[in-house]
Amino acid sequence: METCARCGKEFGCGMTEGRTSCWCAELPPVLPVPAEGEGTCLCPACLEEDLARARLRLGQCLDCRHRRPLRSKGGDDLVLCGLSSEQARFPKYPPLPMAGCAGFERFRKR
């Protein structure tokens, strides 16, 4: 069992339970996975709260497989669109939150 770094609730983590992946791997990447010894992950409830806040900031980009998350020196969230290098019609840094995009493809676990 893991203990949530935010709320202290215990939860199951697939990686520490001997599985090859964890339930959080099915979600869009929002936070970096902590390296061993750097602390613990968040429980499902806390991670869902972070996803909801990220959805408000990023819009549809949060769930898009072409998103490359970046953070400015000032701490602002930016998104580098992976399609922009392939097709000039997509902005390299789309305005956020993005309400809709013709190139949207839902994130899938890799």
N, C-alpha and C. Protein backbone atom coordinates (compact mmCIF):
# COMPACT_ATOMS: atom_id res chain seq x y z
N MET A 1 0.84 -1.19 0.00
CA MET A 1 0.00 0.00 0.00
C MET A 1 0.88 1.25 0.00
N GLU A 2 0.40 2.27 -0.68
CA GLU A 2 1.05 3.58 -0.71
C GLU A 2 0.24 4.55 0.13
N THR A 3 0.86 5.61 0.55
CA THR A 3 0.17 6.68 1.26
C THR A 3 0.22 7.92 0.38
N CYS A 4 -0.93 8.53 0.17
CA CYS A 4 -1.03 9.71 -0.68
C CYS A 4 -0.20 10.84 -0.09
N ALA A 5 0.62 11.46 -0.94
CA ALA A 5 1.49 12.55 -0.50
C ALA A 5 0.70 13.78 -0.10
N ARG A 6 -0.54 13.90 -0.57
CA ARG A 6 -1.34 15.08 -0.26
C ARG A 6 -2.28 14.88 0.92
N CYS A 7 -3.11 13.84 0.88
CA CYS A 7 -4.16 13.69 1.90
C CYS A 7 -3.85 12.63 2.96
N GLY A 8 -2.85 11.80 2.71
CA GLY A 8 -2.46 10.78 3.68
C GLY A 8 -3.25 9.49 3.61
N LYS A 9 -4.21 9.39 2.68
CA LYS A 9 -5.01 8.18 2.52
C LYS A 9 -4.17 7.06 1.90
N GLU A 10 -4.42 5.82 2.36
CA GLU A 10 -3.73 4.68 1.77
C GLU A 10 -4.46 4.22 0.51
N PHE A 11 -3.69 3.79 -0.46
CA PHE A 11 -4.27 3.30 -1.73
C PHE A 11 -3.32 2.30 -2.34
N GLY A 12 -3.83 1.52 -3.28
CA GLY A 12 -3.01 0.52 -3.96
C GLY A 12 -2.33 1.10 -5.18
N CYS A 13 -1.05 0.81 -5.32
CA CYS A 13 -0.27 1.23 -6.48
C CYS A 13 0.22 -0.02 -7.18
N GLY A 14 -0.10 -0.15 -8.45
CA GLY A 14 0.29 -1.33 -9.20
C GLY A 14 1.79 -1.57 -9.24
N MET A 15 2.55 -0.50 -9.29
CA MET A 15 4.01 -0.64 -9.38
C MET A 15 4.59 -1.22 -8.09
N THR A 16 4.06 -0.84 -6.94
CA THR A 16 4.59 -1.36 -5.69
C THR A 16 3.97 -2.70 -5.32
N GLU A 17 2.90 -3.06 -6.04
CA GLU A 17 2.24 -4.34 -5.78
C GLU A 17 2.71 -5.42 -6.75
N GLY A 18 3.78 -5.13 -7.50
CA GLY A 18 4.36 -6.14 -8.38
C GLY A 18 3.76 -6.22 -9.78
N ARG A 19 2.87 -5.31 -10.13
CA ARG A 19 2.30 -5.31 -11.49
C ARG A 19 3.25 -4.55 -12.43
N THR A 20 3.01 -4.68 -13.70
CA THR A 20 3.87 -3.99 -14.67
C THR A 20 3.46 -2.54 -14.87
N SER A 21 2.25 -2.17 -14.45
CA SER A 21 1.82 -0.77 -14.53
C SER A 21 0.81 -0.49 -13.42
N CYS A 22 0.40 0.75 -13.31
CA CYS A 22 -0.51 1.17 -12.25
C CYS A 22 -1.78 1.75 -12.87
N TRP A 23 -2.82 1.88 -12.08
CA TRP A 23 -4.09 2.45 -12.53
C TRP A 23 -3.88 3.86 -13.09
N CYS A 24 -2.91 4.60 -12.54
CA CYS A 24 -2.72 5.98 -12.98
C CYS A 24 -2.15 6.06 -14.39
N ALA A 25 -1.56 4.98 -14.90
CA ALA A 25 -1.01 4.98 -16.25
C ALA A 25 -2.11 5.09 -17.31
N GLU A 26 -3.35 4.82 -16.93
CA GLU A 26 -4.47 4.92 -17.86
C GLU A 26 -4.97 6.36 -18.01
N LEU A 27 -4.51 7.25 -17.13
CA LEU A 27 -4.95 8.65 -17.13
C LEU A 27 -3.98 9.51 -17.93
N PRO A 28 -4.46 10.68 -18.42
CA PRO A 28 -3.53 11.59 -19.09
C PRO A 28 -2.42 12.01 -18.13
N PRO A 29 -1.20 12.13 -18.62
CA PRO A 29 -0.12 12.54 -17.73
C PRO A 29 -0.31 13.99 -17.27
N VAL A 30 -0.35 14.20 -15.97
CA VAL A 30 -0.50 15.53 -15.39
C VAL A 30 0.72 15.84 -14.55
N LEU A 31 1.13 14.89 -13.74
CA LEU A 31 2.27 15.05 -12.84
C LEU A 31 3.35 14.06 -13.22
N PRO A 32 4.61 14.40 -13.01
CA PRO A 32 5.65 13.40 -13.24
C PRO A 32 5.58 12.32 -12.17
N VAL A 33 5.89 11.10 -12.56
CA VAL A 33 5.93 10.00 -11.61
C VAL A 33 7.18 10.19 -10.75
N PRO A 34 7.03 10.17 -9.43
CA PRO A 34 8.22 10.38 -8.59
C PRO A 34 9.22 9.24 -8.73
N ALA A 35 10.48 9.61 -8.73
CA ALA A 35 11.54 8.60 -8.77
C ALA A 35 11.60 7.91 -7.41
N GLU A 36 12.18 6.74 -7.40
CA GLU A 36 12.28 6.00 -6.15
C GLU A 36 12.98 6.83 -5.08
N GLY A 37 12.37 6.92 -3.91
CA GLY A 37 12.93 7.69 -2.82
C GLY A 37 12.54 9.16 -2.81
N GLU A 38 11.81 9.63 -3.83
CA GLU A 38 11.42 11.04 -3.91
C GLU A 38 10.05 11.31 -3.33
N GLY A 39 9.43 10.35 -2.71
CA GLY A 39 8.08 10.57 -2.19
C GLY A 39 7.12 9.59 -2.81
N THR A 40 5.86 9.84 -2.57
CA THR A 40 4.85 8.92 -3.07
C THR A 40 3.96 9.59 -4.10
N CYS A 41 3.15 8.80 -4.72
CA CYS A 41 2.17 9.28 -5.69
C CYS A 41 0.94 9.82 -4.97
N LEU A 42 -0.01 10.25 -5.76
CA LEU A 42 -1.29 10.72 -5.23
C LEU A 42 -2.33 9.61 -5.33
N CYS A 43 -3.28 9.62 -4.40
CA CYS A 43 -4.37 8.65 -4.43
C CYS A 43 -5.32 9.00 -5.59
N PRO A 44 -6.21 8.10 -5.97
CA PRO A 44 -7.12 8.37 -7.07
C PRO A 44 -7.92 9.66 -6.88
N ALA A 45 -8.42 9.94 -5.69
CA ALA A 45 -9.23 11.14 -5.47
C ALA A 45 -8.41 12.42 -5.67
N CYS A 46 -7.21 12.46 -5.12
CA CYS A 46 -6.37 13.66 -5.27
C CYS A 46 -5.91 13.84 -6.71
N LEU A 47 -5.60 12.74 -7.39
CA LEU A 47 -5.19 12.84 -8.79
C LEU A 47 -6.36 13.30 -9.65
N GLU A 48 -7.56 12.84 -9.37
CA GLU A 48 -8.75 13.31 -10.11
C GLU A 48 -8.97 14.81 -9.91
N GLU A 49 -8.70 15.31 -8.69
CA GLU A 49 -8.81 16.76 -8.46
C GLU A 49 -7.81 17.51 -9.32
N ASP A 50 -6.58 17.01 -9.40
CA ASP A 50 -5.58 17.65 -10.24
C ASP A 50 -5.98 17.60 -11.71
N LEU A 51 -6.54 16.48 -12.14
CA LEU A 51 -7.00 16.37 -13.53
C LEU A 51 -8.11 17.37 -13.83
N ALA A 52 -9.05 17.55 -12.91
CA ALA A 52 -10.14 18.51 -13.11
C ALA A 52 -9.59 19.93 -13.24
N ARG A 53 -8.63 20.29 -12.39
CA ARG A 53 -8.02 21.63 -12.48
C ARG A 53 -7.25 21.78 -13.79
N ALA A 54 -6.54 20.74 -14.20
CA ALA A 54 -5.78 20.79 -15.45
C ALA A 54 -6.71 20.90 -16.65
N ARG A 55 -7.87 20.24 -16.60
CA ARG A 55 -8.84 20.32 -17.69
C ARG A 55 -9.36 21.75 -17.86
N LEU A 56 -9.54 22.46 -16.73
CA LEU A 56 -9.97 23.86 -16.80
C LEU A 56 -8.89 24.73 -17.44
N ARG A 57 -7.62 24.46 -17.13
CA ARG A 57 -6.51 25.25 -17.66
C ARG A 57 -6.19 24.92 -19.12
N LEU A 58 -6.25 23.63 -19.47
CA LEU A 58 -5.78 23.18 -20.78
C LEU A 58 -6.89 22.86 -21.77
N GLY A 59 -8.09 22.59 -21.29
CA GLY A 59 -9.18 22.21 -22.18
C GLY A 59 -8.92 20.86 -22.82
N GLN A 60 -9.28 20.76 -24.08
CA GLN A 60 -9.18 19.50 -24.80
C GLN A 60 -7.73 19.00 -24.93
N CYS A 61 -6.77 19.90 -24.87
CA CYS A 61 -5.36 19.49 -25.00
C CYS A 61 -4.95 18.48 -23.93
N LEU A 62 -5.55 18.57 -22.74
CA LEU A 62 -5.17 17.65 -21.67
C LEU A 62 -5.31 16.20 -22.09
N ASP A 63 -6.36 15.89 -22.82
CA ASP A 63 -6.65 14.51 -23.21
C ASP A 63 -6.12 14.13 -24.58
N CYS A 64 -5.34 15.01 -25.22
CA CYS A 64 -4.85 14.75 -26.58
C CYS A 64 -3.48 14.07 -26.56
N ARG A 65 -3.34 13.08 -27.39
CA ARG A 65 -2.07 12.34 -27.44
C ARG A 65 -0.94 13.15 -28.06
N HIS A 66 -1.25 14.25 -28.75
CA HIS A 66 -0.22 15.08 -29.39
C HIS A 66 0.36 16.12 -28.44
N ARG A 67 -0.20 16.24 -27.25
CA ARG A 67 0.22 17.26 -26.28
C ARG A 67 1.60 16.93 -25.72
N ARG A 68 2.43 17.95 -25.70
CA ARG A 68 3.73 17.87 -25.03
C ARG A 68 3.71 18.95 -23.95
N PRO A 69 3.50 18.55 -22.68
CA PRO A 69 3.37 19.56 -21.62
C PRO A 69 4.68 20.28 -21.34
N LEU A 70 4.59 21.57 -21.14
CA LEU A 70 5.73 22.40 -20.79
C LEU A 70 5.31 23.34 -19.68
N ARG A 71 6.27 23.86 -18.97
CA ARG A 71 5.99 24.87 -17.94
C ARG A 71 6.95 26.02 -18.18
N SER A 72 6.41 27.24 -18.24
CA SER A 72 7.25 28.41 -18.45
C SER A 72 8.07 28.70 -17.20
N LYS A 73 9.08 29.54 -17.33
CA LYS A 73 9.89 29.92 -16.18
C LYS A 73 9.04 30.59 -15.11
N GLY A 74 7.95 31.24 -15.52
CA GLY A 74 7.04 31.89 -14.58
C GLY A 74 6.04 30.94 -13.96
N GLY A 75 6.05 29.65 -14.35
CA GLY A 75 5.16 28.66 -13.76
C GLY A 75 3.87 28.43 -14.52
N ASP A 76 3.70 29.06 -15.69
CA ASP A 76 2.49 28.88 -16.48
C ASP A 76 2.54 27.57 -17.27
N ASP A 77 1.38 26.93 -17.43
CA ASP A 77 1.30 25.73 -18.25
C ASP A 77 1.28 26.13 -19.72
N LEU A 78 2.08 25.44 -20.52
CA LEU A 78 2.09 25.60 -21.97
C LEU A 78 1.92 24.23 -22.58
N VAL A 79 1.45 24.21 -23.81
CA VAL A 79 1.33 22.95 -24.53
C VAL A 79 2.01 23.11 -25.88
N LEU A 80 2.95 22.23 -26.15
CA LEU A 80 3.56 22.17 -27.47
C LEU A 80 2.77 21.12 -28.24
N CYS A 81 2.19 21.52 -29.36
CA CYS A 81 1.38 20.59 -30.15
C CYS A 81 2.29 19.77 -31.06
N GLY A 82 2.26 18.47 -30.90
CA GLY A 82 3.08 17.57 -31.71
C GLY A 82 2.69 17.57 -33.17
N LEU A 83 1.47 17.99 -33.50
CA LEU A 83 1.04 18.04 -34.89
C LEU A 83 1.64 19.22 -35.64
N SER A 84 2.04 20.27 -34.91
CA SER A 84 2.52 21.49 -35.56
C SER A 84 3.77 21.23 -36.39
N SER A 85 4.59 20.26 -36.00
CA SER A 85 5.79 19.95 -36.78
C SER A 85 5.45 19.18 -38.05
N GLU A 86 4.30 18.50 -38.05
CA GLU A 86 3.89 17.72 -39.22
C GLU A 86 3.00 18.51 -40.17
N GLN A 87 2.16 19.38 -39.59
CA GLN A 87 1.19 20.11 -40.40
C GLN A 87 1.15 21.56 -39.93
N ALA A 88 1.46 22.48 -40.84
CA ALA A 88 1.56 23.90 -40.49
C ALA A 88 0.23 24.49 -40.03
N ARG A 89 -0.89 23.83 -40.30
CA ARG A 89 -2.19 24.43 -39.93
C ARG A 89 -2.47 24.35 -38.44
N PHE A 90 -1.68 23.60 -37.68
CA PHE A 90 -1.86 23.51 -36.24
C PHE A 90 -0.85 24.43 -35.55
N PRO A 91 -1.33 25.25 -34.59
CA PRO A 91 -0.40 26.15 -33.91
C PRO A 91 0.59 25.38 -33.04
N LYS A 92 1.83 25.84 -33.03
CA LYS A 92 2.86 25.19 -32.23
C LYS A 92 2.48 25.25 -30.74
N TYR A 93 2.02 26.42 -30.30
CA TYR A 93 1.57 26.60 -28.91
C TYR A 93 0.12 27.06 -28.97
N PRO A 94 -0.85 26.13 -28.91
CA PRO A 94 -2.25 26.51 -29.03
C PRO A 94 -2.71 27.38 -27.85
N PRO A 95 -3.68 28.26 -28.10
CA PRO A 95 -4.21 29.07 -27.00
C PRO A 95 -4.96 28.17 -26.02
N LEU A 96 -4.74 28.40 -24.75
CA LEU A 96 -5.37 27.56 -23.72
C LEU A 96 -6.40 28.35 -22.95
N PRO A 97 -7.48 27.74 -22.53
CA PRO A 97 -7.85 26.34 -22.76
C PRO A 97 -8.37 26.14 -24.18
N MET A 98 -8.04 25.04 -24.77
CA MET A 98 -8.45 24.71 -26.13
C MET A 98 -9.82 24.04 -26.08
N ALA A 99 -10.79 24.65 -26.74
CA ALA A 99 -12.16 24.13 -26.72
C ALA A 99 -12.38 23.02 -27.74
N GLY A 100 -11.68 23.06 -28.86
CA GLY A 100 -11.86 22.05 -29.88
C GLY A 100 -10.73 22.13 -30.90
N CYS A 101 -10.37 20.99 -31.46
CA CYS A 101 -9.26 20.94 -32.42
C CYS A 101 -9.51 19.82 -33.41
N ALA A 102 -9.29 20.11 -34.68
CA ALA A 102 -9.49 19.11 -35.73
C ALA A 102 -8.48 17.96 -35.64
N GLY A 103 -7.34 18.20 -35.00
CA GLY A 103 -6.32 17.17 -34.89
C GLY A 103 -6.38 16.36 -33.61
N PHE A 104 -7.40 16.61 -32.79
CA PHE A 104 -7.51 15.93 -31.50
C PHE A 104 -7.59 14.42 -31.66
N GLU A 105 -6.73 13.72 -30.91
CA GLU A 105 -6.80 12.26 -30.78
C GLU A 105 -6.65 11.96 -29.30
N ARG A 106 -7.58 11.20 -28.75
CA ARG A 106 -7.58 10.93 -27.31
C ARG A 106 -6.32 10.19 -26.88
N PHE A 107 -5.79 10.61 -25.73
CA PHE A 107 -4.64 9.95 -25.11
C PHE A 107 -4.98 8.50 -24.83
N ARG A 108 -4.06 7.64 -25.12
CA ARG A 108 -4.18 6.21 -24.79
C ARG A 108 -2.89 5.80 -24.13
N LYS A 109 -3.01 4.90 -23.17
CA LYS A 109 -1.81 4.36 -22.54
C LYS A 109 -0.89 3.78 -23.59
N ARG A 110 0.39 4.05 -23.44
CA ARG A 110 1.37 3.57 -24.44
C ARG A 110 1.90 2.23 -24.08
